[in-house]
């Protein structure tokens, strides 16, 4: 069964001219991991220049969906295409920030060298980087406002500053689609806002598409074009007003859900519990951070990324 909210086209797509080719199309796709169905008979498209928030409870399959787009989780049925081509590992048109970023805070490597590591997904570091690579590194550092961080070691940077460098890695080359898996984890609200604003600015400047997964809707509210909400064998893709409703989310969670709007914020409630609240501790955002460390597997596509949503339920959704 396919359940979905109607999808609204962005204003940029509403002209009488022929619409450009979608960046991402998912056609009749079913994804499974072992005995678990992660996605069932999914059909949707992401257009050029769209910022899509990917939301849902823990285990809903957000990471698995991104890994399938990267060609790391094959579809049991159906087809996933990026710019009209079947998905394949190492697609240079996709920039990827994985959720697993272990021990990044303790590394002494300079910001510039860290970004350069992602220029070649098969090795760490570029001791003899050519002129084109060096120029591209400088370009993306400037694009994300991280030029002043280039000569500082990662261990001296705040969580928000390190996220700038992670985003810079994703932008090397000429990606048309960014997959950002939980980039707000362990950041305090101030730095969460900064990361969302940075991604939105870069996304608009380059005219690329972004799939940005998160535990909570509110940090993304001012940036979203549409939202893709996963849960309980169903997914809904549409505007916030179309998807974030009690009937739609009750189907996604498989239990009664209330949606409350107050002072520009949206609260998704199950009884007295705000279901989007998560228990990640915030990183201490100062020059010598403590708490959770988030190292990094390179920003572009990699086959060795880890999946943390193996307990996901099945989903189906339409655009």
Protein backbone atom coordinates (compact mmCIF):
# COMPACT_ATOMS: atom_id res chain seq x y z
CA UNK A 1 0.00 0.00 0.00
CA UNK A 2 1.27 3.44 -0.91
CA UNK A 3 0.42 6.31 1.38
CA UNK A 4 1.60 9.81 0.67
CA UNK A 5 0.75 13.45 1.02
CA UNK A 6 0.39 15.32 -2.26
CA UNK A 7 3.65 16.89 -3.32
CA UNK A 8 3.92 20.59 -3.99
CA UNK A 9 6.22 21.71 -6.77
CA UNK A 10 8.70 24.43 -5.78
CA UNK A 11 8.00 27.83 -7.26
CA UNK A 12 11.02 27.46 -9.54
CA UNK A 13 9.35 24.44 -11.17
CA UNK A 14 5.94 26.04 -11.78
CA UNK A 15 6.66 27.79 -15.08
CA UNK A 16 5.19 26.70 -18.38
CA UNK A 17 8.62 25.56 -19.58
CA UNK A 18 9.47 21.89 -19.57
CA UNK A 19 10.57 20.88 -16.08
CA UNK A 20 14.24 19.87 -15.77
CA UNK A 21 15.12 16.25 -15.15
CA UNK A 22 14.71 15.27 -11.49
CA UNK A 23 17.94 14.88 -9.59
CA UNK A 24 16.62 11.74 -7.91
CA UNK A 25 13.85 9.33 -8.92
CA UNK A 26 12.67 6.33 -6.92
CA UNK A 27 10.33 4.10 -8.95
CA UNK A 28 8.55 1.12 -7.40
CA UNK A 29 11.42 0.54 -5.00
CA UNK A 30 11.44 -2.01 -2.20
CA UNK A 31 14.45 -2.18 0.13
CA UNK A 32 15.10 -5.01 2.56
CA UNK A 33 17.78 -5.80 5.11
CA UNK A 34 17.67 -9.45 6.10
CA UNK A 35 14.07 -10.22 7.00
CA UNK A 36 13.14 -6.57 7.48
CA UNK A 37 11.42 -4.46 4.83
CA UNK A 38 12.85 -0.97 4.95
CA UNK A 39 10.95 0.57 2.05
CA UNK A 40 7.99 -0.86 0.16
CA UNK A 41 6.95 0.02 -3.40
CA UNK A 42 8.22 3.61 -3.11
CA UNK A 43 7.68 6.18 -5.87
CA UNK A 44 8.91 9.76 -5.59
CA UNK A 45 11.16 12.34 -7.21
CA UNK A 46 13.42 15.10 -5.90
CA UNK A 47 13.82 18.10 -8.16
CA UNK A 48 16.77 20.35 -8.83
CA UNK A 49 17.22 23.05 -6.22
CA UNK A 50 15.05 21.38 -3.55
CA UNK A 51 15.85 21.20 0.15
CA UNK A 52 14.17 18.04 1.48
CA UNK A 53 14.06 17.29 5.19
CA UNK A 54 14.13 13.54 5.88
CA UNK A 55 12.47 12.83 9.22
CA UNK A 56 11.13 9.94 11.23
CA UNK A 57 11.70 8.02 14.45
CA UNK A 58 14.86 6.07 15.22
CA UNK A 59 14.92 2.95 13.09
CA UNK A 60 12.67 4.41 10.41
CA UNK A 61 15.25 3.83 7.69
CA UNK A 62 16.61 7.31 6.99
CA UNK A 63 20.21 6.11 6.75
CA UNK A 64 19.24 3.01 4.78
CA UNK A 65 17.42 5.15 2.23
CA UNK A 66 20.51 7.31 1.77
CA UNK A 67 22.72 4.24 1.45
CA UNK A 68 20.44 2.88 -1.25
CA UNK A 69 20.83 6.14 -3.20
CA UNK A 70 24.59 5.66 -2.87
CA UNK A 71 24.33 2.16 -4.34
CA UNK A 72 25.33 0.50 -1.07
CA UNK A 73 21.96 -1.16 -0.35
CA UNK A 74 20.54 -2.73 -3.52
CA UNK A 75 16.84 -2.48 -4.19
CA UNK A 76 14.91 -5.75 -3.97
CA UNK A 77 12.54 -4.35 -6.59
CA UNK A 78 12.26 -1.18 -8.62
CA UNK A 79 14.84 1.38 -9.71
CA UNK A 80 16.64 4.35 -8.17
CA UNK A 81 18.17 6.85 -10.57
CA UNK A 82 20.36 9.91 -10.05
CA UNK A 83 20.17 12.38 -12.95
CA UNK A 84 18.57 9.64 -15.02
CA UNK A 85 21.32 7.08 -14.44
CA UNK A 86 21.05 3.94 -12.28
CA UNK A 87 22.65 4.30 -8.87
CA UNK A 88 26.27 3.19 -8.58
CA UNK A 89 28.88 3.29 -5.86
CA UNK A 90 31.21 6.26 -5.97
CA UNK A 91 28.93 8.50 -8.03
CA UNK A 92 30.71 11.88 -8.18
CA UNK A 93 27.38 13.64 -8.61
CA UNK A 94 26.49 12.81 -4.99
CA UNK A 95 28.08 14.42 -1.95
CA UNK A 96 27.58 12.44 1.26
CA UNK A 97 28.05 13.23 4.94
CA UNK A 98 27.60 9.99 6.90
CA UNK A 99 26.24 9.83 10.41
CA UNK A 100 29.32 8.04 11.76
CA UNK A 101 32.08 10.58 12.44
CA UNK A 102 34.11 8.93 15.21
CA UNK A 103 36.96 10.74 16.99
CA UNK A 104 37.01 13.78 14.71
CA UNK A 105 37.27 16.14 17.67
CA UNK A 106 40.64 14.74 18.79
CA UNK A 107 42.44 14.87 15.45
CA UNK A 108 45.35 17.25 14.94
CA UNK A 109 45.10 17.35 11.15
CA UNK A 110 44.68 20.81 9.62
CA UNK A 111 41.31 21.77 8.22
CA UNK A 112 42.66 22.16 4.67
CA UNK A 113 44.28 18.73 4.71
CA UNK A 114 41.14 17.17 6.16
CA UNK A 115 39.00 18.55 3.34
CA UNK A 116 41.57 17.40 0.76
CA UNK A 117 41.26 13.81 2.02
CA UNK A 118 37.86 13.55 0.36
CA UNK A 119 39.18 14.46 -3.09
CA UNK A 120 39.97 10.79 -3.60
CA UNK A 121 37.61 8.36 -1.88
CA UNK A 122 40.17 5.56 -1.92
CA UNK A 123 42.94 7.01 0.22
CA UNK A 124 43.58 9.19 3.23
CA UNK A 125 45.39 12.43 2.60
CA UNK A 126 46.85 13.97 -0.52
CA UNK A 127 50.56 14.59 0.11
CA UNK A 128 51.10 15.34 -3.58
CA UNK A 129 47.75 16.93 -4.46
CA UNK A 130 47.78 18.42 -7.93
CA UNK A 131 46.99 22.05 -8.68
CA UNK A 132 43.39 21.31 -9.68
CA UNK A 133 42.71 19.52 -6.40
CA UNK A 134 44.29 22.30 -4.36
CA UNK A 135 42.21 24.88 -6.20
CA UNK A 136 39.02 22.88 -5.60
CA UNK A 137 39.82 22.60 -1.89
CA UNK A 138 40.26 26.36 -1.67
CA UNK A 139 37.01 26.87 -3.59
CA UNK A 140 34.91 24.78 -1.21
CA UNK A 141 36.60 26.26 1.88
CA UNK A 142 35.59 29.71 0.65
CA UNK A 143 32.10 28.50 -0.28
CA UNK A 144 31.35 27.36 3.28
CA UNK A 145 33.13 30.29 4.95
CA UNK A 146 35.93 28.11 6.35
CA UNK A 147 39.02 29.74 4.86
CA UNK A 148 40.07 30.99 8.30
CA UNK A 149 39.79 27.44 9.65
CA UNK A 150 42.04 25.94 6.98
CA UNK A 151 45.29 26.06 8.96
CA UNK A 152 43.84 25.15 12.36
CA UNK A 153 43.78 21.56 13.64
CA UNK A 154 40.40 19.91 13.98
CA UNK A 155 40.98 19.41 17.70
CA UNK A 156 40.87 23.19 18.21
CA UNK A 157 37.60 23.71 16.35
CA UNK A 158 34.06 23.79 17.68
CA UNK A 159 31.47 21.30 16.53
CA UNK A 160 29.88 23.88 14.25
CA UNK A 161 33.25 24.76 12.71
CA UNK A 162 34.02 21.11 12.06
CA UNK A 163 30.65 20.72 10.34
CA UNK A 164 31.69 23.48 7.93
CA UNK A 165 34.70 21.39 6.94
CA UNK A 166 32.56 18.26 6.60
CA UNK A 167 30.22 20.15 4.30
CA UNK A 168 33.22 21.41 2.32
CA UNK A 169 34.28 17.80 1.77
CA UNK A 170 30.84 16.98 0.36
CA UNK A 171 31.09 19.85 -2.13
CA UNK A 172 34.38 18.84 -3.76
CA UNK A 173 33.95 18.18 -7.45
CA UNK A 174 30.58 19.09 -8.88
CA UNK A 175 27.87 17.24 -6.90
CA UNK A 176 24.24 17.81 -7.84
CA UNK A 177 22.77 16.02 -4.81
CA UNK A 178 23.87 16.23 -1.18
CA UNK A 179 22.93 13.50 1.30
CA UNK A 180 23.46 14.79 4.84
CA UNK A 181 22.81 12.13 7.49
CA UNK A 182 22.01 13.69 10.87
CA UNK A 183 24.49 16.61 10.66
CA UNK A 184 22.88 18.26 13.71
CA UNK A 185 23.59 15.45 16.17
CA UNK A 186 25.45 16.70 19.27
CA UNK A 187 25.29 20.37 18.28
CA UNK A 188 23.61 22.88 20.56
CA UNK A 189 20.62 24.85 19.17
CA UNK A 190 22.74 27.85 18.19
CA UNK A 191 25.12 25.75 16.09
CA UNK A 192 22.24 23.71 14.69
CA UNK A 193 20.75 26.91 13.30
CA UNK A 194 24.13 27.88 11.88
CA UNK A 195 24.57 24.56 10.09
CA UNK A 196 21.06 24.65 8.60
CA UNK A 197 21.49 28.24 7.42
CA UNK A 198 24.88 27.39 5.90
CA UNK A 199 23.56 24.37 4.02
CA UNK A 200 20.57 26.35 2.76
CA UNK A 201 22.76 29.22 1.56
CA UNK A 202 25.18 26.92 -0.27
CA UNK A 203 22.33 24.84 -1.70
CA UNK A 204 20.65 27.93 -3.13
CA UNK A 205 23.90 29.39 -4.43
CA UNK A 206 24.79 26.19 -6.31
CA UNK A 207 21.20 25.26 -7.28
CA UNK A 208 21.66 21.70 -6.05
CA UNK A 209 19.32 19.33 -4.22
CA UNK A 210 19.73 18.36 -0.56
CA UNK A 211 18.35 15.47 1.46
CA UNK A 212 18.94 16.50 5.09
CA UNK A 213 17.99 13.92 7.72
CA UNK A 214 17.24 15.01 11.26
CA UNK A 215 15.59 13.84 14.46
CA UNK A 216 13.55 17.01 14.85
CA UNK A 217 11.63 19.19 12.43
CA UNK A 218 11.94 22.61 14.05
CA UNK A 219 15.61 23.36 13.23
CA UNK A 220 14.77 22.85 9.54
CA UNK A 221 11.46 24.72 9.34
CA UNK A 222 12.80 27.89 7.74
CA UNK A 223 14.86 26.00 5.16
CA UNK A 224 12.57 23.25 3.89
CA UNK A 225 10.94 23.07 0.48
CA UNK A 226 9.36 19.70 1.26
CA UNK A 227 9.57 17.03 3.93
CA UNK A 228 9.89 13.27 3.57
CA UNK A 229 8.65 11.61 6.76
CA UNK A 230 9.31 7.88 7.25
CA UNK A 231 7.68 5.49 9.67
CA UNK A 232 5.76 2.27 10.23
CA UNK A 233 5.87 1.00 6.67
CA UNK A 234 4.72 4.30 5.20
CA UNK A 235 6.33 7.54 4.12
CA UNK A 236 4.83 10.90 3.20
CA UNK A 237 6.41 13.46 0.90
CA UNK A 238 4.99 16.96 0.58
CA UNK A 239 4.98 20.40 2.13
CA UNK A 240 5.15 20.76 5.91
CA UNK A 241 1.44 21.62 6.05
CA UNK A 242 0.58 18.55 3.99
CA UNK A 243 2.73 16.03 5.87
CA UNK A 244 2.96 17.26 9.45
CA UNK A 245 -0.66 16.56 10.35
CA UNK A 246 -2.26 14.29 12.92
CA UNK A 247 -3.80 11.87 10.36
CA UNK A 248 -0.61 11.46 8.29
CA UNK A 249 1.75 11.09 11.26
CA UNK A 250 -0.62 8.75 13.08
CA UNK A 251 -0.29 6.39 10.10
CA UNK A 252 3.48 6.78 10.06
CA UNK A 253 3.87 6.12 13.79
CA UNK A 254 1.14 3.49 13.96
CA UNK A 255 -0.42 5.18 16.99
CA UNK A 256 -2.43 8.35 17.69
CA UNK A 257 -0.35 11.48 17.13
CA UNK A 258 -1.22 15.10 17.81
CA UNK A 259 0.44 18.03 16.08
CA UNK A 260 0.63 21.30 17.98
CA UNK A 261 1.78 24.63 16.56
CA UNK A 262 2.97 27.29 18.96
CA UNK A 263 5.05 30.45 18.44
CA UNK A 264 6.41 29.33 15.08
CA UNK A 265 7.33 25.85 16.28
CA UNK A 266 5.70 22.47 15.64
CA UNK A 267 5.41 19.79 18.31
CA UNK A 268 4.65 16.18 17.43
CA UNK A 269 3.03 14.59 20.47
CA UNK A 270 2.04 11.09 21.49
CA UNK A 271 -0.02 11.66 24.59
CA UNK A 272 2.15 13.85 26.84
CA UNK A 273 5.41 12.84 25.12
CA UNK A 274 7.06 14.90 22.38
CA UNK A 275 8.05 12.05 20.09
CA UNK A 276 10.70 13.94 18.13
CA UNK A 277 12.75 14.68 21.22
CA UNK A 278 15.96 12.68 21.26
CA UNK A 279 18.48 11.94 23.96
CA UNK A 280 21.69 12.97 22.23
CA UNK A 281 23.87 15.06 24.51
CA UNK A 282 25.05 18.36 23.12
CA UNK A 283 28.68 18.80 22.29
CA UNK A 284 30.51 21.47 24.28
CA UNK A 285 31.09 23.96 21.49
CA UNK A 286 34.32 25.68 22.40
CA UNK A 287 37.93 25.47 21.39
CA UNK A 288 38.56 22.16 23.15
CA UNK A 289 35.30 20.23 22.90
CA UNK A 290 34.41 17.36 25.16
CA UNK A 291 31.58 14.88 25.10
CA UNK A 292 30.66 12.98 21.94
CA UNK A 293 33.25 12.68 19.21
CA UNK A 294 32.18 12.48 15.60
CA UNK A 295 34.85 11.34 13.22
CA UNK A 296 34.27 11.16 9.50
CA UNK A 297 34.19 8.85 6.58
CA UNK A 298 34.89 10.98 3.52
CA UNK A 299 32.21 13.32 2.28
CA UNK A 300 31.65 11.66 -1.09
CA UNK A 301 30.14 8.24 -1.61
CA UNK A 302 31.82 5.26 0.06
CA UNK A 303 31.04 1.59 0.26
CA UNK A 304 32.35 1.26 3.81
CA UNK A 305 29.82 3.54 5.48
CA UNK A 306 27.96 2.09 8.45
CA UNK A 307 24.20 1.72 8.72
CA UNK A 308 22.67 2.56 12.09
CA UNK A 309 19.06 1.96 11.15
CA UNK A 310 19.05 -1.82 10.79
CA UNK A 311 15.94 -2.10 12.89
CA UNK A 312 13.92 -0.02 10.45
CA UNK A 313 10.37 -0.82 9.49
CA UNK A 314 9.09 -0.82 5.94
CA UNK A 315 8.01 2.34 4.13
CA UNK A 316 6.20 3.34 1.02
CA UNK A 317 5.71 6.81 -0.34
CA UNK A 318 4.79 8.82 -3.39
CA UNK A 319 5.48 12.27 -4.69
